[in-house]
């Protein structure tokens, strides 16, 4: 009876420490993509040393990082892959199979290759006006705000504002809107209405007057 109890305790202990693959991201991909090599992130308990294999996907490598609970699997989707679920099998360092996960492959929609994807137009350049030019000193001291501007203190308020940004651009940045001649200059009033039409990350490169 004592031996049986010890055996049961050991069995439960081994099961509790077992490597378990639980989730894979992305869980689906498409056939016929120009970039057909995909890196899958696998999550599970103590899986960073596992090696993935597949009979239908071309597994390039399995790579663990510092966390023992993540494994990154790089695989290529063959051009002749079939629509449906494709299985990744995971083996430990002794070659024993410890789990499996599926990745769904689908067909690309007609014309999807010509669809405009992510581009520079999708970027937003975050401006913190306080760190730029002080164009309106009248708003430096605000009622109820204890801290005044102090450009010598890196962690404090510097007094920069939108008026300073508009002023800097109006003086230093040639007009690039709607094919206008580069010889034209943007007036303060015009720029205040058109500022949002600029791709602000481009302005950061084109105008050194942002920084003071």
C-alpha atoms as a PDB file:
ATOM      1  CA  UNK A   1       0.000   0.000   0.000  1.00  0.00           C
ATOM      2  CA  UNK A   2       2.865   2.343   0.908  1.00  0.00           C
ATOM      3  CA  UNK A   3       4.628   1.617  -2.379  1.00  0.00           C
ATOM      4  CA  UNK A   4       1.425   2.289  -4.312  1.00  0.00           C
ATOM      5  CA  UNK A   5       0.973   5.631  -2.564  1.00  0.00           C
ATOM      6  CA  UNK A   6       4.549   6.657  -3.333  1.00  0.00           C
ATOM      7  CA  UNK A   7       4.088   5.659  -6.995  1.00  0.00           C
ATOM      8  CA  UNK A   8       0.929   7.762  -7.282  1.00  0.00           C
ATOM      9  CA  UNK A   9       2.646  10.782  -5.714  1.00  0.00           C
ATOM     10  CA  UNK A  10       5.578  10.477  -8.144  1.00  0.00           C
ATOM     11  CA  UNK A  11       3.221  10.112 -11.098  1.00  0.00           C
ATOM     12  CA  UNK A  12       1.343  13.283 -10.182  1.00  0.00           C
ATOM     13  CA  UNK A  13       4.636  15.142  -9.606  1.00  0.00           C
ATOM     14  CA  UNK A  14       5.945  14.145 -13.040  1.00  0.00           C
ATOM     15  CA  UNK A  15       2.674  15.155 -14.674  1.00  0.00           C
ATOM     16  CA  UNK A  16       2.732  18.532 -12.907  1.00  0.00           C
ATOM     17  CA  UNK A  17       6.212  19.207 -14.306  1.00  0.00           C
ATOM     18  CA  UNK A  18       5.383  18.066 -17.844  1.00  0.00           C
ATOM     19  CA  UNK A  19       6.008  20.369 -20.797  1.00  0.00           C
ATOM     20  CA  UNK A  20       2.696  21.515 -22.255  1.00  0.00           C
ATOM     21  CA  UNK A  21       2.172  23.506 -25.474  1.00  0.00           C
ATOM     22  CA  UNK A  22      -0.985  25.578 -25.164  1.00  0.00           C
ATOM     23  CA  UNK A  23      -1.236  28.325 -27.768  1.00  0.00           C
ATOM     24  CA  UNK A  24       0.269  29.502 -31.061  1.00  0.00           C
ATOM     25  CA  UNK A  25       0.195  32.960 -32.679  1.00  0.00           C
ATOM     26  CA  UNK A  26      -0.624  33.669 -35.419  1.00  0.00           C
ATOM     27  CA  UNK A  27      -3.089  30.783 -35.481  1.00  0.00           C
ATOM     28  CA  UNK A  28      -3.667  31.191 -39.228  1.00  0.00           C
ATOM     29  CA  UNK A  29      -1.888  32.335 -42.388  1.00  0.00           C
ATOM     30  CA  UNK A  30      -2.436  32.443 -46.153  1.00  0.00           C
ATOM     31  CA  UNK A  31      -1.200  30.450 -49.115  1.00  0.00           C
ATOM     32  CA  UNK A  32       0.555  32.358 -51.908  1.00  0.00           C
ATOM     33  CA  UNK A  33       1.930  35.252 -49.863  1.00  0.00           C
ATOM     34  CA  UNK A  34       5.022  36.915 -51.317  1.00  0.00           C
ATOM     35  CA  UNK A  35       6.603  36.733 -47.883  1.00  0.00           C
ATOM     36  CA  UNK A  36       5.869  33.114 -47.115  1.00  0.00           C
ATOM     37  CA  UNK A  37       8.202  32.668 -44.137  1.00  0.00           C
ATOM     38  CA  UNK A  38       6.363  33.087 -40.847  1.00  0.00           C
ATOM     39  CA  UNK A  39       7.562  33.264 -37.257  1.00  0.00           C
ATOM     40  CA  UNK A  40       5.076  31.636 -34.893  1.00  0.00           C
ATOM     41  CA  UNK A  41       5.092  32.364 -31.171  1.00  0.00           C
ATOM     42  CA  UNK A  42       4.202  29.325 -29.083  1.00  0.00           C
ATOM     43  CA  UNK A  43       3.191  29.534 -25.429  1.00  0.00           C
ATOM     44  CA  UNK A  44       3.197  26.777 -22.825  1.00  0.00           C
ATOM     45  CA  UNK A  45       4.824  25.523 -19.648  1.00  0.00           C
ATOM     46  CA  UNK A  46       8.597  24.939 -19.881  1.00  0.00           C
ATOM     47  CA  UNK A  47       8.640  24.643 -23.682  1.00  0.00           C
ATOM     48  CA  UNK A  48      11.645  26.799 -24.630  1.00  0.00           C
ATOM     49  CA  UNK A  49      13.813  23.729 -25.338  1.00  0.00           C
ATOM     50  CA  UNK A  50      11.298  21.958 -27.564  1.00  0.00           C
ATOM     51  CA  UNK A  51      11.823  21.432 -31.281  1.00  0.00           C
ATOM     52  CA  UNK A  52       8.952  21.767 -33.766  1.00  0.00           C
ATOM     53  CA  UNK A  53       8.473  19.665 -36.873  1.00  0.00           C
ATOM     54  CA  UNK A  54       5.819  19.340 -39.555  1.00  0.00           C
ATOM     55  CA  UNK A  55       5.139  17.154 -42.570  1.00  0.00           C
ATOM     56  CA  UNK A  56       3.433  19.949 -44.506  1.00  0.00           C
ATOM     57  CA  UNK A  57       5.204  23.128 -43.362  1.00  0.00           C
ATOM     58  CA  UNK A  58       8.938  23.619 -43.833  1.00  0.00           C
ATOM     59  CA  UNK A  59      10.208  24.304 -40.315  1.00  0.00           C
ATOM     60  CA  UNK A  60      13.434  26.315 -40.422  1.00  0.00           C
ATOM     61  CA  UNK A  61      14.213  26.638 -36.724  1.00  0.00           C
ATOM     62  CA  UNK A  62      12.834  26.486 -33.179  1.00  0.00           C
ATOM     63  CA  UNK A  63      14.262  29.077 -30.836  1.00  0.00           C
ATOM     64  CA  UNK A  64      13.721  29.642 -27.111  1.00  0.00           C
ATOM     65  CA  UNK A  65      14.413  32.885 -25.291  1.00  0.00           C
ATOM     66  CA  UNK A  66      15.021  33.759 -21.640  1.00  0.00           C
ATOM     67  CA  UNK A  67      11.508  32.821 -20.542  1.00  0.00           C
ATOM     68  CA  UNK A  68      11.008  29.033 -20.363  1.00  0.00           C
ATOM     69  CA  UNK A  69       7.386  29.401 -21.413  1.00  0.00           C
ATOM     70  CA  UNK A  70       7.861  30.712 -24.954  1.00  0.00           C
ATOM     71  CA  UNK A  71       9.175  29.161 -28.152  1.00  0.00           C
ATOM     72  CA  UNK A  72       9.552  30.873 -31.532  1.00  0.00           C
ATOM     73  CA  UNK A  73       9.132  28.652 -34.560  1.00  0.00           C
ATOM     74  CA  UNK A  74      10.135  29.907 -38.017  1.00  0.00           C
ATOM     75  CA  UNK A  75       8.519  28.047 -40.905  1.00  0.00           C
ATOM     76  CA  UNK A  76       7.953  28.464 -44.618  1.00  0.00           C
ATOM     77  CA  UNK A  77       4.540  27.907 -46.205  1.00  0.00           C
ATOM     78  CA  UNK A  78       5.113  25.923 -49.422  1.00  0.00           C
ATOM     79  CA  UNK A  79       3.580  27.310 -52.614  1.00  0.00           C
ATOM     80  CA  UNK A  80       1.707  24.040 -53.086  1.00  0.00           C
ATOM     81  CA  UNK A  81       0.356  23.913 -49.525  1.00  0.00           C
ATOM     82  CA  UNK A  82      -3.293  22.913 -49.199  1.00  0.00           C
ATOM     83  CA  UNK A  83      -6.066  24.896 -47.565  1.00  0.00           C
ATOM     84  CA  UNK A  84      -6.898  23.658 -44.082  1.00  0.00           C
ATOM     85  CA  UNK A  85      -5.233  22.838 -40.778  1.00  0.00           C
ATOM     86  CA  UNK A  86      -1.523  22.033 -40.680  1.00  0.00           C
ATOM     87  CA  UNK A  87       0.015  20.365 -37.646  1.00  0.00           C
ATOM     88  CA  UNK A  88       3.172  21.281 -35.788  1.00  0.00           C
ATOM     89  CA  UNK A  89       4.522  18.500 -33.574  1.00  0.00           C
ATOM     90  CA  UNK A  90       6.763  19.384 -30.637  1.00  0.00           C
ATOM     91  CA  UNK A  91       9.485  17.086 -29.298  1.00  0.00           C
ATOM     92  CA  UNK A  92      11.734  17.417 -26.273  1.00  0.00           C
ATOM     93  CA  UNK A  93      15.516  17.077 -26.218  1.00  0.00           C
ATOM     94  CA  UNK A  94      15.164  13.287 -26.028  1.00  0.00           C
ATOM     95  CA  UNK A  95      13.028  13.204 -29.170  1.00  0.00           C
ATOM     96  CA  UNK A  96       9.820  12.367 -27.309  1.00  0.00           C
ATOM     97  CA  UNK A  97       6.621  13.949 -28.640  1.00  0.00           C
ATOM     98  CA  UNK A  98       5.139  16.204 -25.957  1.00  0.00           C
ATOM     99  CA  UNK A  99       2.436  18.092 -27.837  1.00  0.00           C
ATOM    100  CA  UNK A 100       0.974  19.373 -31.085  1.00  0.00           C
ATOM    101  CA  UNK A 101      -0.759  22.517 -32.354  1.00  0.00           C
ATOM    102  CA  UNK A 102      -2.518  23.385 -35.607  1.00  0.00           C
ATOM    103  CA  UNK A 103      -2.132  26.361 -37.937  1.00  0.00           C
ATOM    104  CA  UNK A 104      -4.949  27.101 -40.393  1.00  0.00           C
ATOM    105  CA  UNK A 105      -3.965  28.037 -43.954  1.00  0.00           C
ATOM    106  CA  UNK A 106      -6.436  29.846 -46.196  1.00  0.00           C
ATOM    107  CA  UNK A 107      -6.548  31.231 -49.716  1.00  0.00           C
ATOM    108  CA  UNK A 108      -5.832  34.890 -50.324  1.00  0.00           C
ATOM    109  CA  UNK A 109      -8.758  37.000 -51.480  1.00  0.00           C
ATOM    110  CA  UNK A 110      -8.813  37.903 -55.183  1.00  0.00           C
ATOM    111  CA  UNK A 111      -6.808  41.054 -55.861  1.00  0.00           C
ATOM    112  CA  UNK A 112      -5.375  41.194 -52.341  1.00  0.00           C
ATOM    113  CA  UNK A 113      -1.823  41.411 -53.698  1.00  0.00           C
ATOM    114  CA  UNK A 114      -2.595  44.789 -55.275  1.00  0.00           C
ATOM    115  CA  UNK A 115      -4.208  46.198 -52.143  1.00  0.00           C
ATOM    116  CA  UNK A 116      -2.336  49.118 -50.617  1.00  0.00           C
ATOM    117  CA  UNK A 117      -0.867  48.019 -47.324  1.00  0.00           C
ATOM    118  CA  UNK A 118       0.975  49.722 -44.521  1.00  0.00           C
ATOM    119  CA  UNK A 119       2.882  52.819 -45.635  1.00  0.00           C
ATOM    120  CA  UNK A 120       4.332  56.063 -44.330  1.00  0.00           C
ATOM    121  CA  UNK A 121       0.814  57.531 -44.450  1.00  0.00           C
ATOM    122  CA  UNK A 122      -0.082  55.320 -41.474  1.00  0.00           C
ATOM    123  CA  UNK A 123       2.494  56.918 -39.180  1.00  0.00           C
ATOM    124  CA  UNK A 124       1.624  59.582 -36.636  1.00  0.00           C
ATOM    125  CA  UNK A 125       4.439  61.752 -35.350  1.00  0.00           C
ATOM    126  CA  UNK A 126       3.766  62.627 -31.716  1.00  0.00           C
ATOM    127  CA  UNK A 127       4.573  66.240 -30.940  1.00  0.00           C
ATOM    128  CA  UNK A 128       5.078  67.436 -27.379  1.00  0.00           C
ATOM    129  CA  UNK A 129       4.753  71.203 -27.910  1.00  0.00           C
ATOM    130  CA  UNK A 130       6.252  72.036 -24.514  1.00  0.00           C
ATOM    131  CA  UNK A 131       9.675  70.878 -25.728  1.00  0.00           C
ATOM    132  CA  UNK A 132       9.692  73.125 -28.808  1.00  0.00           C
ATOM    133  CA  UNK A 133       9.699  76.850 -29.468  1.00  0.00           C
ATOM    134  CA  UNK A 134       7.878  79.220 -27.144  1.00  0.00           C
ATOM    135  CA  UNK A 135       5.724  81.214 -29.548  1.00  0.00           C
ATOM    136  CA  UNK A 136       3.285  82.712 -27.059  1.00  0.00           C
ATOM    137  CA  UNK A 137       4.782  83.756 -23.720  1.00  0.00           C
ATOM    138  CA  UNK A 138       1.367  84.910 -22.474  1.00  0.00           C
ATOM    139  CA  UNK A 139       0.361  81.315 -21.741  1.00  0.00           C
ATOM    140  CA  UNK A 140       3.511  80.406 -19.812  1.00  0.00           C
ATOM    141  CA  UNK A 141       1.874  81.076 -16.482  1.00  0.00           C
ATOM    142  CA  UNK A 142      -1.505  79.376 -16.136  1.00  0.00           C
ATOM    143  CA  UNK A 143      -3.823  79.973 -13.208  1.00  0.00           C
ATOM    144  CA  UNK A 144      -3.792  76.993 -10.884  1.00  0.00           C
ATOM    145  CA  UNK A 145      -0.465  75.627 -12.199  1.00  0.00           C
ATOM    146  CA  UNK A 146       2.304  75.934  -9.620  1.00  0.00           C
ATOM    147  CA  UNK A 147       5.222  75.248 -11.966  1.00  0.00           C
ATOM    148  CA  UNK A 148       6.413  77.902 -14.387  1.00  0.00           C
ATOM    149  CA  UNK A 149       8.607  77.367 -17.460  1.00  0.00           C
ATOM    150  CA  UNK A 150      12.290  76.673 -16.886  1.00  0.00           C
ATOM    151  CA  UNK A 151      14.291  75.514 -19.904  1.00  0.00           C
ATOM    152  CA  UNK A 152      17.333  74.890 -17.719  1.00  0.00           C
ATOM    153  CA  UNK A 153      15.509  72.075 -15.882  1.00  0.00           C
ATOM    154  CA  UNK A 154      15.250  69.040 -18.167  1.00  0.00           C
ATOM    155  CA  UNK A 155      12.398  67.484 -16.186  1.00  0.00           C
ATOM    156  CA  UNK A 156      10.288  70.623 -15.937  1.00  0.00           C
ATOM    157  CA  UNK A 157       8.080  72.733 -18.202  1.00  0.00           C
ATOM    158  CA  UNK A 158       9.858  74.488 -21.076  1.00  0.00           C
ATOM    159  CA  UNK A 159       7.076  76.751 -22.295  1.00  0.00           C
ATOM    160  CA  UNK A 160       6.896  75.522 -25.876  1.00  0.00           C
ATOM    161  CA  UNK A 161       3.511  75.674 -27.603  1.00  0.00           C
ATOM    162  CA  UNK A 162       1.660  75.196 -30.906  1.00  0.00           C
ATOM    163  CA  UNK A 163       2.163  78.851 -31.721  1.00  0.00           C
ATOM    164  CA  UNK A 164       5.912  78.255 -31.627  1.00  0.00           C
ATOM    165  CA  UNK A 165       5.660  75.225 -33.900  1.00  0.00           C
ATOM    166  CA  UNK A 166       3.508  77.119 -36.429  1.00  0.00           C
ATOM    167  CA  UNK A 167       5.864  80.089 -36.302  1.00  0.00           C
ATOM    168  CA  UNK A 168       8.917  77.901 -36.896  1.00  0.00           C
ATOM    169  CA  UNK A 169       7.368  76.112 -39.843  1.00  0.00           C
ATOM    170  CA  UNK A 170       6.033  79.289 -41.393  1.00  0.00           C
ATOM    171  CA  UNK A 171       9.488  80.831 -41.375  1.00  0.00           C
ATOM    172  CA  UNK A 172      11.662  77.852 -42.238  1.00  0.00           C
ATOM    173  CA  UNK A 173       9.696  75.237 -44.152  1.00  0.00           C
ATOM    174  CA  UNK A 174       9.023  75.606 -47.904  1.00  0.00           C
ATOM    175  CA  UNK A 175       5.527  74.818 -49.055  1.00  0.00           C
ATOM    176  CA  UNK A 176       5.240  71.223 -50.295  1.00  0.00           C
ATOM    177  CA  UNK A 177       1.453  70.997 -50.375  1.00  0.00           C
ATOM    178  CA  UNK A 178      -0.467  70.200 -53.587  1.00  0.00           C
ATOM    179  CA  UNK A 179       2.513  70.631 -55.894  1.00  0.00           C
ATOM    180  CA  UNK A 180       3.109  74.279 -55.010  1.00  0.00           C
ATOM    181  CA  UNK A 181       6.464  75.744 -55.929  1.00  0.00           C
ATOM    182  CA  UNK A 182       9.152  75.278 -53.313  1.00  0.00           C
ATOM    183  CA  UNK A 183       9.878  78.991 -53.649  1.00  0.00           C
ATOM    184  CA  UNK A 184       6.586  79.802 -51.933  1.00  0.00           C
ATOM    185  CA  UNK A 185       6.532  80.065 -48.173  1.00  0.00           C
ATOM    186  CA  UNK A 186       3.772  79.064 -45.805  1.00  0.00           C
ATOM    187  CA  UNK A 187       2.189  81.921 -43.916  1.00  0.00           C
ATOM    188  CA  UNK A 188       1.252  81.436 -40.273  1.00  0.00           C
ATOM    189  CA  UNK A 189      -2.475  81.616 -40.997  1.00  0.00           C
ATOM    190  CA  UNK A 190      -2.322  79.157 -43.876  1.00  0.00           C
ATOM    191  CA  UNK A 191      -0.274  76.688 -41.906  1.00  0.00           C
ATOM    192  CA  UNK A 192      -2.531  76.805 -38.880  1.00  0.00           C
ATOM    193  CA  UNK A 193      -5.343  75.422 -41.102  1.00  0.00           C
ATOM    194  CA  UNK A 194      -3.208  72.993 -43.052  1.00  0.00           C
ATOM    195  CA  UNK A 195      -0.902  71.653 -40.334  1.00  0.00           C
ATOM    196  CA  UNK A 196      -2.756  68.347 -40.033  1.00  0.00           C
ATOM    197  CA  UNK A 197      -2.208  67.680 -43.732  1.00  0.00           C
ATOM    198  CA  UNK A 198       1.501  67.323 -43.173  1.00  0.00           C
ATOM    199  CA  UNK A 199       2.992  64.002 -42.373  1.00  0.00           C
ATOM    200  CA  UNK A 200       4.530  65.142 -39.167  1.00  0.00           C
ATOM    201  CA  UNK A 201       7.293  62.601 -39.125  1.00  0.00           C
ATOM    202  CA  UNK A 202       8.504  64.048 -42.468  1.00  0.00           C
ATOM    203  CA  UNK A 203       8.432  67.546 -41.039  1.00  0.00           C
ATOM    204  CA  UNK A 204      10.742  66.408 -38.264  1.00  0.00           C
ATOM    205  CA  UNK A 205      13.348  65.584 -40.891  1.00  0.00           C
ATOM    206  CA  UNK A 206      12.733  68.574 -43.139  1.00  0.00           C
ATOM    207  CA  UNK A 207      12.780  71.285 -40.504  1.00  0.00           C
ATOM    208  CA  UNK A 208      15.576  71.665 -37.986  1.00  0.00           C
ATOM    209  CA  UNK A 209      13.661  74.647 -36.583  1.00  0.00           C
ATOM    210  CA  UNK A 210      11.540  72.291 -34.495  1.00  0.00           C
ATOM    211  CA  UNK A 211      14.257  72.034 -31.872  1.00  0.00           C
ATOM    212  CA  UNK A 212      15.469  75.086 -30.002  1.00  0.00           C
END
